[in-house]
Every structure is written in structure tokens, then in C-alpha cells.
Amino acid sequence: MKIYIAAPLFCDGERSFNEKVDAIIRACGHETFLPQREGGCVADLPEMIEGIPKRKYLFQLDCEHMDWCDAVLFLMDGRVPDEGACFELGYCYAKGKKCIAYKTDARSFIDGFDNVMLHGAPETILHTEAELRAYFTSLK
């Protein structure tokens, strides 16, 4: 399957975690789109890419790959989930893509729960690396 990994990518820790998750998904036999690898971080890019302002270029690149994918893996870690990843989850959900979430972070929105809109879109929320491996190994 083609998996779009929706995740924050703004610090070394986030990028390292994303790369680890990407490697696991690929090891399970899937093709991935990891925005930090394919497009880069907006802060690190020149103002224009292929004659297009970098923000528009990245938006178009990501949208093309959300259309390309069969499923989105939404990485939910953080005090609040990344707003770009939230958009990507919603976009893929609206397009009828398979939506999966991965959350290793114990923090939650309120009373031990996350926002209902983020909990409703994924068909499942995985919590450990073992669950992640097992799920994506079984997914064909």
C-alpha cells in the first residue's frame, strides 16, 4: 500500500521519530510519502521552488501525495497534534482514504481523551511500536 505519513517535522526529535516510523512502515512492505524527506521543512527552503513560492509548492506537493496514497498514518504525539497533520488527516478522511493514528504520548486533550474530531477519523489508534508493526504487517 501507499502510505502518507502525516506528522510534525519542525525539530530534530520530531524528524527522527518520523524517520523511525517511516522505516518501520517500509520494512512492513509499504511505499511511503514522508513530507520532510520529499519536500523538506518550509524554514529550510529557498523562497521559490520551480518558480512557485515555497509554501504553495509544499502545499501542492503534499496534496498530490494525499491523493496518491491509499492510507494516511496520523502521528498524534505532542501536547496538541500538529495542525498540518490534522489537516492531512481530515483531507484523507474526506477523500475516503484509510486513516490510522499512532500515539505514544500519554498527554490528552481533556479528561483522558483527545478531541472527538481526531478520534473519529482513524479506524484505529495504535500505541506501541509492536502494535504499529503488527498492524502494517497485516495490511496489504
N, C-alpha and C. Protein backbone atom coordinates (compact mmCIF):
# COMPACT_ATOMS: atom_id res chain seq x y z
N MET A 1 0.84 -1.19 0.00
CA MET A 1 0.00 0.00 0.00
C MET A 1 0.87 1.25 0.00
N LYS A 2 0.28 2.34 -0.41
CA LYS A 2 0.96 3.63 -0.40
C LYS A 2 0.46 4.40 0.83
N ILE A 3 1.40 4.72 1.71
CA ILE A 3 1.07 5.34 3.00
C ILE A 3 1.63 6.75 3.07
N TYR A 4 0.77 7.71 3.37
CA TYR A 4 1.17 9.10 3.60
C TYR A 4 1.36 9.25 5.11
N ILE A 5 2.52 9.72 5.54
CA ILE A 5 2.78 9.90 6.97
C ILE A 5 2.58 11.37 7.32
N ALA A 6 1.52 11.64 8.08
CA ALA A 6 1.15 13.00 8.50
C ALA A 6 1.70 13.23 9.89
N ALA A 7 2.66 14.15 9.99
CA ALA A 7 3.35 14.34 11.26
C ALA A 7 4.03 15.71 11.32
N PRO A 8 4.28 16.19 12.54
CA PRO A 8 5.07 17.42 12.67
C PRO A 8 6.52 17.14 12.25
N LEU A 9 7.22 18.17 11.77
CA LEU A 9 8.59 17.97 11.29
C LEU A 9 9.49 19.17 11.60
N PHE A 10 9.24 19.81 12.73
CA PHE A 10 9.89 21.09 12.97
C PHE A 10 11.07 21.08 13.94
N CYS A 11 11.42 19.91 14.48
CA CYS A 11 12.62 19.83 15.31
C CYS A 11 13.28 18.47 15.08
N ASP A 12 14.51 18.35 15.53
CA ASP A 12 15.26 17.12 15.31
C ASP A 12 14.54 15.90 15.88
N GLY A 13 13.94 16.04 17.07
CA GLY A 13 13.25 14.92 17.69
C GLY A 13 12.07 14.45 16.86
N GLU A 14 11.28 15.39 16.35
CA GLU A 14 10.14 15.02 15.52
C GLU A 14 10.60 14.34 14.23
N ARG A 15 11.60 14.92 13.58
CA ARG A 15 12.08 14.33 12.32
C ARG A 15 12.67 12.94 12.54
N SER A 16 13.40 12.76 13.64
CA SER A 16 13.97 11.43 13.94
C SER A 16 12.87 10.40 14.18
N PHE A 17 11.86 10.79 14.96
CA PHE A 17 10.74 9.89 15.22
C PHE A 17 10.02 9.53 13.92
N ASN A 18 9.79 10.52 13.07
CA ASN A 18 9.11 10.29 11.79
C ASN A 18 9.91 9.32 10.92
N GLU A 19 11.23 9.50 10.89
CA GLU A 19 12.08 8.60 10.10
C GLU A 19 12.03 7.18 10.63
N LYS A 20 11.98 7.04 11.95
CA LYS A 20 11.87 5.71 12.57
C LYS A 20 10.56 5.05 12.16
N VAL A 21 9.46 5.79 12.26
CA VAL A 21 8.15 5.27 11.88
C VAL A 21 8.15 4.91 10.39
N ASP A 22 8.69 5.78 9.56
CA ASP A 22 8.77 5.54 8.12
C ASP A 22 9.52 4.24 7.84
N ALA A 23 10.64 4.02 8.51
CA ALA A 23 11.43 2.81 8.30
C ALA A 23 10.63 1.55 8.69
N ILE A 24 9.85 1.65 9.75
CA ILE A 24 9.02 0.52 10.17
C ILE A 24 7.98 0.20 9.09
N ILE A 25 7.31 1.23 8.60
CA ILE A 25 6.26 1.04 7.59
C ILE A 25 6.86 0.44 6.31
N ARG A 26 8.01 0.94 5.91
CA ARG A 26 8.67 0.41 4.72
C ARG A 26 9.11 -1.04 4.94
N ALA A 27 9.61 -1.34 6.13
CA ALA A 27 10.03 -2.71 6.44
C ALA A 27 8.84 -3.68 6.40
N CYS A 28 7.65 -3.15 6.59
CA CYS A 28 6.42 -3.97 6.52
C CYS A 28 5.95 -4.13 5.08
N GLY A 29 6.69 -3.58 4.12
CA GLY A 29 6.40 -3.78 2.71
C GLY A 29 5.59 -2.70 2.02
N HIS A 30 5.49 -1.54 2.64
CA HIS A 30 4.68 -0.46 2.07
C HIS A 30 5.55 0.65 1.49
N GLU A 31 5.00 1.37 0.55
CA GLU A 31 5.63 2.56 -0.01
C GLU A 31 5.13 3.75 0.81
N THR A 32 6.02 4.70 1.10
CA THR A 32 5.62 5.83 1.94
C THR A 32 5.91 7.16 1.27
N PHE A 33 5.15 8.15 1.69
CA PHE A 33 5.45 9.55 1.41
C PHE A 33 5.65 10.20 2.76
N LEU A 34 6.85 10.68 3.01
CA LEU A 34 7.20 11.38 4.24
C LEU A 34 7.52 12.82 3.85
N PRO A 35 6.64 13.77 4.17
CA PRO A 35 6.83 15.15 3.71
C PRO A 35 8.21 15.74 3.98
N GLN A 36 8.80 15.45 5.13
CA GLN A 36 10.12 16.03 5.42
C GLN A 36 11.18 15.51 4.46
N ARG A 37 11.04 14.30 3.98
CA ARG A 37 12.00 13.73 3.04
C ARG A 37 11.73 14.22 1.62
N GLU A 38 10.47 14.26 1.24
CA GLU A 38 10.12 14.58 -0.13
C GLU A 38 10.11 16.08 -0.43
N GLY A 39 9.68 16.88 0.55
CA GLY A 39 9.58 18.31 0.31
C GLY A 39 10.50 19.15 1.16
N GLY A 40 10.75 18.71 2.38
CA GLY A 40 11.59 19.46 3.29
C GLY A 40 10.77 20.31 4.24
N CYS A 41 11.45 20.98 5.12
CA CYS A 41 10.83 21.87 6.10
C CYS A 41 10.81 23.28 5.52
N VAL A 42 9.67 23.93 5.57
CA VAL A 42 9.49 25.24 4.95
C VAL A 42 10.58 26.24 5.37
N ALA A 43 11.00 26.20 6.61
CA ALA A 43 12.01 27.15 7.10
C ALA A 43 13.38 26.96 6.44
N ASP A 44 13.65 25.77 5.93
CA ASP A 44 14.96 25.45 5.36
C ASP A 44 15.02 25.63 3.84
N LEU A 45 13.92 25.99 3.22
CA LEU A 45 13.85 26.02 1.77
C LEU A 45 14.00 27.44 1.21
N PRO A 46 14.46 27.55 -0.04
CA PRO A 46 14.52 28.87 -0.69
C PRO A 46 13.10 29.40 -0.89
N GLU A 47 12.96 30.70 -1.05
CA GLU A 47 11.64 31.32 -1.19
C GLU A 47 10.85 30.81 -2.39
N MET A 48 11.56 30.46 -3.48
CA MET A 48 10.90 29.97 -4.70
C MET A 48 11.44 28.59 -5.03
N ILE A 49 10.55 27.68 -5.42
CA ILE A 49 10.93 26.34 -5.86
C ILE A 49 10.22 26.10 -7.19
N GLU A 50 11.00 25.84 -8.22
CA GLU A 50 10.44 25.61 -9.56
C GLU A 50 9.51 26.75 -9.97
N GLY A 51 9.89 27.98 -9.59
CA GLY A 51 9.13 29.16 -9.96
C GLY A 51 7.86 29.39 -9.15
N ILE A 52 7.69 28.63 -8.08
CA ILE A 52 6.49 28.73 -7.24
C ILE A 52 6.92 29.11 -5.82
N PRO A 53 6.21 30.00 -5.13
CA PRO A 53 6.54 30.29 -3.74
C PRO A 53 6.55 29.00 -2.92
N LYS A 54 7.55 28.86 -2.05
CA LYS A 54 7.77 27.59 -1.35
C LYS A 54 6.54 27.09 -0.60
N ARG A 55 5.78 27.95 0.02
CA ARG A 55 4.60 27.50 0.76
C ARG A 55 3.55 26.88 -0.17
N LYS A 56 3.34 27.49 -1.32
CA LYS A 56 2.38 26.95 -2.30
C LYS A 56 2.92 25.65 -2.89
N TYR A 57 4.23 25.61 -3.17
CA TYR A 57 4.86 24.41 -3.70
C TYR A 57 4.66 23.23 -2.75
N LEU A 58 4.94 23.44 -1.46
CA LEU A 58 4.81 22.35 -0.48
C LEU A 58 3.35 21.92 -0.32
N PHE A 59 2.44 22.88 -0.31
CA PHE A 59 1.02 22.56 -0.21
C PHE A 59 0.59 21.68 -1.39
N GLN A 60 0.97 22.06 -2.59
CA GLN A 60 0.60 21.29 -3.78
C GLN A 60 1.23 19.90 -3.76
N LEU A 61 2.51 19.82 -3.37
CA LEU A 61 3.20 18.53 -3.30
C LEU A 61 2.49 17.60 -2.32
N ASP A 62 2.17 18.13 -1.16
CA ASP A 62 1.50 17.30 -0.15
C ASP A 62 0.11 16.88 -0.61
N CYS A 63 -0.64 17.79 -1.20
CA CYS A 63 -1.99 17.44 -1.69
C CYS A 63 -1.92 16.37 -2.77
N GLU A 64 -0.95 16.48 -3.67
CA GLU A 64 -0.78 15.45 -4.71
C GLU A 64 -0.55 14.08 -4.08
N HIS A 65 0.22 14.05 -3.01
CA HIS A 65 0.53 12.77 -2.38
C HIS A 65 -0.58 12.27 -1.47
N MET A 66 -1.39 13.17 -0.94
CA MET A 66 -2.58 12.71 -0.21
C MET A 66 -3.55 12.07 -1.20
N ASP A 67 -3.62 12.59 -2.43
CA ASP A 67 -4.45 11.97 -3.47
C ASP A 67 -3.85 10.63 -3.92
N TRP A 68 -2.53 10.54 -3.94
CA TRP A 68 -1.79 9.35 -4.38
C TRP A 68 -1.94 8.18 -3.41
N CYS A 69 -2.01 8.47 -2.13
CA CYS A 69 -1.93 7.41 -1.12
C CYS A 69 -3.20 6.58 -1.02
N ASP A 70 -3.03 5.38 -0.45
CA ASP A 70 -4.16 4.52 -0.11
C ASP A 70 -4.60 4.77 1.33
N ALA A 71 -3.65 5.21 2.16
CA ALA A 71 -3.92 5.39 3.58
C ALA A 71 -3.04 6.50 4.14
N VAL A 72 -3.52 7.10 5.23
CA VAL A 72 -2.74 8.10 5.95
C VAL A 72 -2.45 7.55 7.35
N LEU A 73 -1.20 7.72 7.77
CA LEU A 73 -0.82 7.41 9.15
C LEU A 73 -0.61 8.75 9.84
N PHE A 74 -1.48 9.04 10.78
CA PHE A 74 -1.50 10.32 11.51
C PHE A 74 -0.75 10.14 12.82
N LEU A 75 0.38 10.83 12.97
CA LEU A 75 1.17 10.76 14.20
C LEU A 75 0.65 11.83 15.15
N MET A 76 0.07 11.37 16.26
CA MET A 76 -0.66 12.26 17.17
C MET A 76 0.15 12.80 18.34
N ASP A 77 1.40 12.41 18.49
CA ASP A 77 2.16 12.82 19.67
C ASP A 77 2.30 14.34 19.75
N GLY A 78 2.44 14.81 20.98
CA GLY A 78 2.60 16.23 21.25
C GLY A 78 1.52 16.70 22.22
N ARG A 79 1.75 17.84 22.84
CA ARG A 79 0.74 18.39 23.76
C ARG A 79 -0.58 18.55 23.04
N VAL A 80 -0.50 19.02 21.81
CA VAL A 80 -1.64 19.02 20.87
C VAL A 80 -1.09 18.50 19.55
N PRO A 81 -1.90 17.77 18.79
CA PRO A 81 -1.40 17.30 17.49
C PRO A 81 -1.08 18.47 16.55
N ASP A 82 -0.13 18.25 15.67
CA ASP A 82 0.30 19.25 14.70
C ASP A 82 -0.85 19.64 13.78
N GLU A 83 -1.04 20.96 13.59
CA GLU A 83 -2.17 21.42 12.78
C GLU A 83 -2.08 20.99 11.32
N GLY A 84 -0.88 20.92 10.78
CA GLY A 84 -0.74 20.43 9.40
C GLY A 84 -1.14 18.97 9.29
N ALA A 85 -0.72 18.17 10.25
CA ALA A 85 -1.09 16.75 10.26
C ALA A 85 -2.59 16.59 10.45
N CYS A 86 -3.20 17.46 11.25
CA CYS A 86 -4.66 17.43 11.43
C CYS A 86 -5.36 17.69 10.09
N PHE A 87 -4.87 18.68 9.34
CA PHE A 87 -5.43 18.96 8.01
C PHE A 87 -5.29 17.73 7.12
N GLU A 88 -4.11 17.12 7.13
CA GLU A 88 -3.86 15.96 6.27
C GLU A 88 -4.79 14.80 6.63
N LEU A 89 -5.00 14.58 7.92
CA LEU A 89 -5.95 13.54 8.35
C LEU A 89 -7.34 13.85 7.83
N GLY A 90 -7.81 15.09 8.01
CA GLY A 90 -9.14 15.47 7.55
C GLY A 90 -9.30 15.37 6.05
N TYR A 91 -8.28 15.79 5.31
CA TYR A 91 -8.31 15.71 3.85
C TYR A 91 -8.45 14.26 3.41
N CYS A 92 -7.61 13.41 3.97
CA CYS A 92 -7.64 11.99 3.59
C CYS A 92 -8.95 11.33 4.02
N TYR A 93 -9.46 11.67 5.17
CA TYR A 93 -10.74 11.14 5.63
C TYR A 93 -11.85 11.53 4.65
N ALA A 94 -11.86 12.80 4.25
CA ALA A 94 -12.89 13.29 3.33
C ALA A 94 -12.78 12.62 1.96
N LYS A 95 -11.58 12.20 1.58
CA LYS A 95 -11.37 11.53 0.29
C LYS A 95 -11.64 10.03 0.37
N GLY A 96 -12.02 9.54 1.55
CA GLY A 96 -12.33 8.12 1.70
C GLY A 96 -11.12 7.23 1.85
N LYS A 97 -9.98 7.82 2.23
CA LYS A 97 -8.77 7.04 2.43
C LYS A 97 -8.83 6.32 3.78
N LYS A 98 -8.10 5.22 3.89
CA LYS A 98 -7.95 4.53 5.17
C LYS A 98 -7.16 5.46 6.09
N CYS A 99 -7.64 5.67 7.31
CA CYS A 99 -6.99 6.55 8.27
C CYS A 99 -6.59 5.75 9.51
N ILE A 100 -5.32 5.85 9.88
CA ILE A 100 -4.77 5.16 11.04
C ILE A 100 -4.03 6.21 11.86
N ALA A 101 -4.09 6.11 13.17
CA ALA A 101 -3.35 7.03 14.03
C ALA A 101 -2.35 6.24 14.87
N TYR A 102 -1.28 6.93 15.25
CA TYR A 102 -0.26 6.35 16.11
C TYR A 102 0.03 7.37 17.19
N LYS A 103 -0.19 6.97 18.44
CA LYS A 103 0.02 7.89 19.56
C LYS A 103 0.75 7.18 20.68
N THR A 104 1.97 7.63 20.95
CA THR A 104 2.76 7.07 22.05
C THR A 104 2.78 8.02 23.24
N ASP A 105 2.22 9.19 23.08
CA ASP A 105 2.22 10.26 24.08
C ASP A 105 1.03 10.09 25.03
N ALA A 106 1.27 10.14 26.33
CA ALA A 106 0.21 9.95 27.32
C ALA A 106 -0.67 11.20 27.50
N ARG A 107 -0.20 12.36 27.02
CA ARG A 107 -0.99 13.58 27.19
C ARG A 107 -2.25 13.52 26.33
N SER A 108 -3.31 14.12 26.83
CA SER A 108 -4.55 14.16 26.08
C SER A 108 -5.24 15.50 26.26
N PHE A 109 -6.25 15.71 25.45
CA PHE A 109 -6.97 16.98 25.38
C PHE A 109 -7.70 17.30 26.68
N ILE A 110 -8.55 16.41 27.13
CA ILE A 110 -9.34 16.67 28.33
C ILE A 110 -9.85 15.35 28.91
N ASP A 111 -9.73 15.22 30.21
CA ASP A 111 -10.24 14.03 30.92
C ASP A 111 -9.77 12.71 30.33
N GLY A 112 -8.55 12.66 29.82
CA GLY A 112 -8.01 11.43 29.28
C GLY A 112 -8.40 11.12 27.85
N PHE A 113 -9.06 12.06 27.18
CA PHE A 113 -9.49 11.85 25.79
C PHE A 113 -8.91 12.92 24.88
N ASP A 114 -8.78 12.57 23.61
CA ASP A 114 -8.37 13.54 22.60
C ASP A 114 -9.62 14.17 21.99
N ASN A 115 -9.43 15.21 21.21
CA ASN A 115 -10.52 15.87 20.52
C ASN A 115 -11.34 14.84 19.74
N VAL A 116 -12.66 14.91 19.83
CA VAL A 116 -13.51 13.90 19.18
C VAL A 116 -13.32 13.87 17.67
N MET A 117 -12.99 14.98 17.06
CA MET A 117 -12.80 15.01 15.61
C MET A 117 -11.54 14.24 15.21
N LEU A 118 -10.54 14.23 16.08
CA LEU A 118 -9.32 13.48 15.79
C LEU A 118 -9.46 12.02 16.15
N HIS A 119 -10.35 11.72 17.05
CA HIS A 119 -10.59 10.34 17.46
C HIS A 119 -11.55 9.65 16.50
N GLY A 120 -12.40 10.42 15.84
CA GLY A 120 -13.41 9.84 14.97
C GLY A 120 -12.90 9.44 13.60
N ALA A 121 -11.90 10.12 13.07
CA ALA A 121 -11.43 9.84 11.71
C ALA A 121 -10.64 8.53 11.59
N PRO A 122 -9.71 8.24 12.47
CA PRO A 122 -8.95 6.99 12.31
C PRO A 122 -9.80 5.76 12.61
N GLU A 123 -9.59 4.70 11.84
CA GLU A 123 -10.29 3.45 12.13
C GLU A 123 -9.68 2.76 13.35
N THR A 124 -8.42 3.09 13.63
CA THR A 124 -7.76 2.56 14.81
C THR A 124 -6.68 3.53 15.26
N ILE A 125 -6.36 3.48 16.56
CA ILE A 125 -5.26 4.26 17.11
C ILE A 125 -4.30 3.26 17.75
N LEU A 126 -3.10 3.22 17.23
CA LEU A 126 -2.05 2.32 17.71
C LEU A 126 -1.23 3.06 18.76
N HIS A 127 -0.70 2.31 19.75
CA HIS A 127 0.00 2.97 20.85
C HIS A 127 1.43 2.49 21.09
N THR A 128 1.82 1.39 20.50
CA THR A 128 3.18 0.88 20.71
C THR A 128 3.81 0.53 19.37
N GLU A 129 5.12 0.44 19.39
CA GLU A 129 5.82 0.05 18.17
C GLU A 129 5.40 -1.36 17.75
N ALA A 130 5.18 -2.23 18.71
CA ALA A 130 4.74 -3.60 18.39
C ALA A 130 3.38 -3.57 17.68
N GLU A 131 2.46 -2.75 18.16
CA GLU A 131 1.15 -2.62 17.51
C GLU A 131 1.30 -2.06 16.10
N LEU A 132 2.18 -1.06 15.95
CA LEU A 132 2.42 -0.45 14.64
C LEU A 132 2.93 -1.50 13.66
N ARG A 133 3.92 -2.26 14.09
CA ARG A 133 4.49 -3.31 13.22
C ARG A 133 3.44 -4.36 12.86
N ALA A 134 2.71 -4.82 13.86
CA ALA A 134 1.71 -5.86 13.61
C ALA A 134 0.62 -5.37 12.66
N TYR A 135 0.15 -4.16 12.86
CA TYR A 135 -0.92 -3.62 12.02
C TYR A 135 -0.46 -3.51 10.57
N PHE A 136 0.71 -2.89 10.37
CA PHE A 136 1.17 -2.67 8.99
C PHE A 136 1.70 -3.93 8.34
N THR A 137 2.09 -4.92 9.11
CA THR A 137 2.45 -6.22 8.54
C THR A 137 1.20 -6.91 8.00
N SER A 138 0.09 -6.76 8.71
CA SER A 138 -1.16 -7.42 8.29
C SER A 138 -1.88 -6.66 7.18
N LEU A 139 -1.54 -5.40 6.98
CA LEU A 139 -2.22 -4.55 5.99
C LEU A 139 -1.64 -4.79 4.60
N LYS A 140 -2.47 -5.16 3.69
CA LYS A 140 -1.99 -5.39 2.32
C LYS A 140 -2.76 -4.58 1.33
